[in-house]
Amino acid sequence: MLEIKNLNKRYSKVYANKNINVTIPDNSVTLLVGPNGAGKSTLIKSIMGLLSYDGEITIDGYSNKSVEGRNLIGYIPELPHLYEILTVDEHLEFIARVYKLENWRERADALLRRLDMYENKDKMGSELSKGMQQKLNIMVALLPKPKFVLLDEPMIGLDPRAIVELKHMIAELKAEGTSLLISTHILDTVDEIWDKVLIMTEGSIVAVADKKQLDENNETLEELFFRVTDLDHTDIKVTTNVEDYQNLEVENNSESSENEDKN
């Protein structure tokens, strides 16, 4: 479980993240969405411990900046960070050594085969296509069996078959008790796999909703996103804790019409 309490990140006098309070439970897939400049990248870097900030971030009770906490996080960045002079297989061996993994070979081979990379395992990082780099990115993150996985635009660069396979892997990780946070601009690529969504604007989480709730109200994720980001924040019923999503009421069409009349 990931917990963020009273997170604030400021650059000079400008808040990139302001008063973020979120709990992402086990066995769940949560989306982080928002327009450009909303503060998503800053939040991701803060979770990864790459930025200084005010507040507290913990994974299963461990600080995200502690060795124990870092070992529980798997990160799939938008742009792969690979070693050009290492082969695909050497990347996996390197991770296994860093995390002191036992019996990692079988899991590594399974990941290689699952993402159609087994025949490419002896290729150097510099020889990989963008899609292959992203596949290796995924394998490196998942090899240590992390408790929390952060995915930043994970579908970019993947072919349709790999996208389907990654969705299956996300579903399996969720079933195994993993917490997953996916940051994306491409809403239709994740539409069927999410449980809850956090919507950010201007550095704050302005709304949290769950998929069942939207389905019951016949509203799509895209419709919710545009409705929330187009309205003034004072007009939105807000919750900043994922576990409190059931308290977020999605306004019906009549309420929207009333607001339009006022404008």
Protein backbone atom coordinates (compact mmCIF):
# COMPACT_ATOMS: atom_id res chain seq x y z
CA MET A 1 0.00 0.00 0.00
CA LEU A 2 1.22 3.47 -0.92
CA GLU A 3 0.41 6.38 1.38
CA ILE A 4 1.06 10.05 0.64
CA LYS A 5 0.45 12.51 3.47
CA ASN A 6 0.51 16.31 3.24
CA LEU A 7 2.85 16.33 0.25
CA ASN A 8 3.96 19.76 -0.92
CA LYS A 9 6.62 20.54 -3.50
CA ARG A 10 7.45 24.13 -4.29
CA TYR A 11 9.79 25.72 -6.80
CA SER A 12 10.49 29.22 -5.52
CA LYS A 13 7.01 30.62 -4.82
CA VAL A 14 5.15 28.24 -7.15
CA TYR A 15 3.65 24.95 -5.91
CA ALA A 16 4.17 22.03 -8.29
CA ASN A 17 2.32 19.76 -5.83
CA LYS A 18 0.08 21.15 -3.12
CA ASN A 19 -1.42 19.31 -0.15
CA ILE A 20 -1.51 15.84 -1.73
CA ASN A 21 -3.11 13.20 0.51
CA VAL A 22 -3.64 9.84 -1.15
CA THR A 23 -3.82 6.17 -0.18
CA ILE A 24 -3.46 3.54 -2.90
CA PRO A 25 -4.45 0.14 -1.48
CA ASP A 26 -3.15 -3.29 -2.43
CA ASN A 27 -4.90 -5.23 -5.20
CA SER A 28 -5.70 -2.07 -7.14
CA VAL A 29 -4.94 -0.18 -10.35
CA THR A 30 -5.11 3.59 -9.97
CA LEU A 31 -4.78 6.10 -12.80
CA LEU A 32 -3.10 9.48 -12.47
CA VAL A 33 -4.37 11.83 -15.17
CA GLY A 34 -4.33 15.55 -15.81
CA PRO A 35 -3.45 18.17 -18.42
CA ASN A 36 0.14 19.14 -19.18
CA GLY A 37 1.66 21.05 -16.29
CA ALA A 38 -0.75 19.57 -13.76
CA GLY A 39 2.06 18.28 -11.53
CA LYS A 40 1.99 14.59 -12.43
CA SER A 41 5.71 14.33 -13.25
CA THR A 42 6.63 16.08 -10.01
CA LEU A 43 4.45 13.68 -8.03
CA ILE A 44 6.00 10.68 -9.79
CA LYS A 45 9.54 11.91 -9.09
CA SER A 46 8.61 12.55 -5.47
CA ILE A 47 7.25 9.02 -5.06
CA MET A 48 10.48 7.68 -6.57
CA GLY A 49 12.49 9.72 -4.05
CA LEU A 50 14.16 11.75 -6.78
CA LEU A 51 13.04 15.13 -5.40
CA SER A 52 13.07 16.77 -2.00
CA TYR A 53 9.59 17.64 -0.69
CA ASP A 54 7.61 18.41 2.42
CA GLY A 55 5.35 15.63 3.66
CA GLU A 56 5.52 11.85 3.92
CA ILE A 57 5.44 8.99 1.40
CA THR A 58 5.45 5.37 2.57
CA ILE A 59 5.16 1.94 0.96
CA ASP A 60 3.91 -0.74 3.34
CA GLY A 61 4.98 1.50 6.21
CA TYR A 62 8.53 2.13 4.94
CA SER A 63 9.68 5.56 3.80
CA ASN A 64 10.10 5.74 0.04
CA LYS A 65 13.60 7.07 0.64
CA SER A 66 14.69 4.12 2.79
CA VAL A 67 16.42 1.05 1.36
CA GLU A 68 13.45 -1.09 2.40
CA GLY A 69 10.99 1.26 0.72
CA ARG A 70 12.99 1.58 -2.48
CA ASN A 71 13.21 -2.20 -2.78
CA LEU A 72 9.40 -2.39 -2.83
CA ILE A 73 9.02 -0.03 -5.81
CA GLY A 74 9.06 -0.99 -9.48
CA TYR A 75 9.29 1.93 -11.91
CA ILE A 76 8.52 1.89 -15.63
CA PRO A 77 9.43 5.37 -16.92
CA GLU A 78 8.11 6.88 -20.14
CA LEU A 79 11.64 7.05 -21.56
CA PRO A 80 13.71 3.90 -20.94
CA HIS A 81 17.01 4.34 -19.10
CA LEU A 82 19.20 1.50 -20.35
CA TYR A 83 22.89 0.70 -20.62
CA GLU A 84 23.99 0.72 -24.25
CA ILE A 85 26.89 -1.67 -23.62
CA LEU A 86 24.86 -4.32 -21.77
CA THR A 87 22.78 -6.99 -23.46
CA VAL A 88 19.13 -7.54 -22.61
CA ASP A 89 20.07 -10.56 -20.51
CA GLU A 90 22.86 -8.66 -18.75
CA HIS A 91 20.39 -5.95 -17.76
CA LEU A 92 18.27 -8.59 -16.05
CA GLU A 93 21.29 -10.19 -14.37
CA PHE A 94 22.39 -6.76 -13.14
CA ILE A 95 18.99 -6.17 -11.50
CA ALA A 96 19.07 -9.65 -9.97
CA ARG A 97 22.47 -8.92 -8.41
CA VAL A 98 21.45 -5.48 -7.14
CA TYR A 99 18.33 -6.89 -5.46
CA LYS A 100 20.13 -10.10 -4.42
CA LEU A 101 17.43 -12.20 -6.06
CA GLU A 102 17.54 -15.97 -5.71
CA ASN A 103 16.31 -18.30 -8.47
CA TRP A 104 15.76 -15.29 -10.74
CA ARG A 105 16.69 -17.07 -13.98
CA GLU A 106 13.35 -18.84 -14.36
CA ARG A 107 11.38 -15.63 -13.82
CA ALA A 108 13.65 -13.72 -16.22
CA ASP A 109 13.17 -16.32 -18.95
CA ALA A 110 9.41 -16.25 -18.42
CA LEU A 111 9.36 -12.47 -18.83
CA LEU A 112 11.57 -12.68 -21.93
CA ARG A 113 9.28 -15.20 -23.57
CA ARG A 114 6.11 -13.42 -22.54
CA LEU A 115 7.19 -10.17 -24.17
CA ASP A 116 8.69 -11.88 -27.24
CA MET A 117 12.22 -10.89 -26.25
CA TYR A 118 13.84 -14.29 -25.70
CA GLU A 119 15.35 -14.34 -29.19
CA ASN A 120 16.70 -10.84 -28.59
CA LYS A 121 18.23 -11.44 -25.16
CA ASP A 122 21.79 -11.20 -26.49
CA LYS A 123 21.24 -7.86 -28.23
CA MET A 124 22.99 -4.82 -26.80
CA GLY A 125 20.97 -1.95 -25.40
CA SER A 126 22.16 0.22 -28.29
CA GLU A 127 20.73 -2.27 -30.80
CA LEU A 128 17.17 -2.26 -29.47
CA SER A 129 14.25 -0.58 -31.17
CA LYS A 130 12.08 1.77 -29.12
CA GLY A 131 9.52 -0.98 -28.58
CA MET A 132 12.19 -3.44 -27.47
CA GLN A 133 13.62 -0.85 -25.09
CA GLN A 134 10.20 -0.41 -23.50
CA LYS A 135 9.78 -4.17 -23.15
CA LEU A 136 13.16 -4.40 -21.40
CA ASN A 137 12.10 -1.47 -19.25
CA ILE A 138 9.06 -3.47 -18.13
CA MET A 139 11.04 -6.63 -17.43
CA VAL A 140 13.66 -4.77 -15.38
CA ALA A 141 10.92 -3.23 -13.23
CA LEU A 142 8.99 -6.46 -12.69
CA LEU A 143 11.84 -8.93 -12.15
CA PRO A 144 12.19 -8.19 -8.37
CA LYS A 145 8.42 -8.70 -7.81
CA PRO A 146 7.77 -5.19 -6.41
CA LYS A 147 4.86 -4.47 -4.07
CA PHE A 148 4.15 -1.13 -5.75
CA VAL A 149 4.55 -0.47 -9.48
CA LEU A 150 4.60 3.00 -10.98
CA LEU A 151 4.01 3.12 -14.73
CA ASP A 152 4.53 6.37 -16.66
CA GLU A 153 2.92 6.16 -20.14
CA PRO A 154 3.73 2.42 -20.28
CA MET A 155 2.00 1.71 -23.61
CA ILE A 156 4.06 4.18 -25.66
CA GLY A 157 6.30 2.40 -28.18
CA LEU A 158 4.65 -1.00 -27.73
CA ASP A 159 3.03 -2.91 -30.59
CA PRO A 160 -0.63 -4.01 -30.22
CA ARG A 161 0.30 -7.54 -29.12
CA ALA A 162 2.65 -6.23 -26.43
CA ILE A 163 -0.01 -3.77 -25.21
CA VAL A 164 -2.48 -6.63 -24.75
CA GLU A 165 0.15 -8.69 -22.94
CA LEU A 166 1.05 -5.81 -20.63
CA LYS A 167 -2.62 -5.37 -19.74
CA HIS A 168 -2.77 -9.07 -18.82
CA MET A 169 0.36 -8.65 -16.69
CA ILE A 170 -1.15 -5.65 -14.92
CA ALA A 171 -4.28 -7.67 -14.12
CA GLU A 172 -2.15 -10.53 -12.76
CA LEU A 173 -0.06 -8.19 -10.61
CA LYS A 174 -3.24 -6.72 -9.17
CA ALA A 175 -4.56 -10.22 -8.38
CA GLU A 176 -1.28 -11.00 -6.59
CA GLY A 177 -1.80 -8.02 -4.26
CA THR A 178 0.35 -5.42 -6.00
CA SER A 179 -0.53 -1.71 -5.95
CA LEU A 180 -0.22 -0.07 -9.37
CA LEU A 181 -0.26 3.61 -10.30
CA ILE A 182 -0.44 4.44 -14.02
CA SER A 183 0.18 7.95 -15.30
CA THR A 184 -1.09 8.47 -18.84
CA HIS A 185 -2.55 10.93 -21.32
CA ILE A 186 -3.93 8.17 -23.55
CA LEU A 187 -7.10 7.27 -21.68
CA ASP A 188 -8.45 4.68 -24.12
CA THR A 189 -5.38 2.43 -23.69
CA VAL A 190 -6.20 1.85 -20.01
CA ASP A 191 -9.97 2.19 -20.05
CA GLU A 192 -10.76 -1.42 -19.14
CA ILE A 193 -8.06 -2.10 -16.51
CA TRP A 194 -8.37 0.66 -13.91
CA ASP A 195 -10.20 0.69 -10.58
CA LYS A 196 -9.80 4.29 -9.44
CA VAL A 197 -8.67 7.56 -10.99
CA LEU A 198 -6.92 10.61 -9.54
CA ILE A 199 -7.41 13.79 -11.56
CA MET A 200 -4.80 16.53 -11.12
CA THR A 201 -4.86 20.19 -12.12
CA GLU A 202 -2.56 23.00 -11.02
CA GLY A 203 -0.60 20.78 -8.66
CA SER A 204 -3.57 19.42 -6.70
CA ILE A 205 -5.72 16.31 -6.87
CA VAL A 206 -9.13 17.83 -7.55
CA ALA A 207 -11.19 14.65 -7.90
CA VAL A 208 -11.09 10.92 -7.21
CA ALA A 209 -13.61 8.45 -8.65
CA ASP A 210 -13.94 4.72 -9.15
CA LYS A 211 -14.85 2.82 -12.30
CA LYS A 212 -17.97 1.17 -10.90
CA GLN A 213 -19.25 4.59 -9.98
CA LEU A 214 -18.82 5.91 -13.50
CA ASP A 215 -20.41 2.81 -15.02
CA GLU A 216 -23.45 3.22 -12.79
CA ASN A 217 -23.77 6.84 -13.91
CA ASN A 218 -23.19 6.01 -17.59
CA GLU A 219 -20.18 8.32 -17.73
CA THR A 220 -16.89 7.49 -19.43
CA LEU A 221 -13.44 8.24 -18.05
CA GLU A 222 -12.92 10.75 -20.85
CA GLU A 223 -16.20 12.52 -20.06
CA LEU A 224 -15.29 12.71 -16.37
CA PHE A 225 -11.85 14.07 -17.17
CA PHE A 226 -13.14 16.89 -19.36
CA ARG A 227 -16.00 17.69 -16.99
CA VAL A 228 -13.67 18.02 -14.02
CA THR A 229 -10.86 19.87 -15.75
CA ASP A 230 -13.26 22.29 -17.48
CA LEU A 231 -15.04 23.31 -14.24
CA ASP A 232 -13.88 25.72 -11.57
CA HIS A 233 -12.46 23.72 -8.65
CA THR A 234 -15.06 25.18 -6.27
CA ASP A 235 -17.78 23.50 -8.31
CA ILE A 236 -16.30 20.02 -7.85
CA LYS A 237 -17.08 17.63 -5.02
CA VAL A 238 -13.58 16.63 -3.99
CA THR A 239 -11.93 13.75 -2.16
CA THR A 240 -8.17 13.36 -1.96
CA ASN A 241 -8.03 9.86 -0.49
CA VAL A 242 -8.51 6.93 -2.85
CA GLU A 243 -10.18 4.89 -0.11
CA ASP A 244 -12.84 7.61 0.17
CA TYR A 245 -13.80 7.39 -3.49
CA GLN A 246 -17.28 6.18 -2.60
CA ASN A 247 -18.00 9.61 -1.12
CA LEU A 248 -17.46 11.32 -4.45
CA GLU A 249 -20.82 11.92 -6.09
CA VAL A 250 -20.80 12.26 -9.85
CA GLU A 251 -23.11 15.12 -10.80
CA ASN A 252 -26.00 14.14 -13.05
CA ASN A 253 -26.96 15.85 -16.27
CA SER A 254 -29.54 18.06 -14.62
CA GLU A 255 -26.95 19.50 -12.23
CA SER A 256 -24.64 20.18 -15.16
CA SER A 257 -27.46 21.97 -16.95
CA GLU A 258 -28.11 24.13 -13.89
CA ASN A 259 -24.46 25.15 -13.77
CA GLU A 260 -24.56 26.05 -17.46
CA ASP A 261 -27.66 28.19 -16.85
CA LYS A 262 -25.82 30.06 -14.09
CA ASN A 263 -23.02 30.78 -16.50
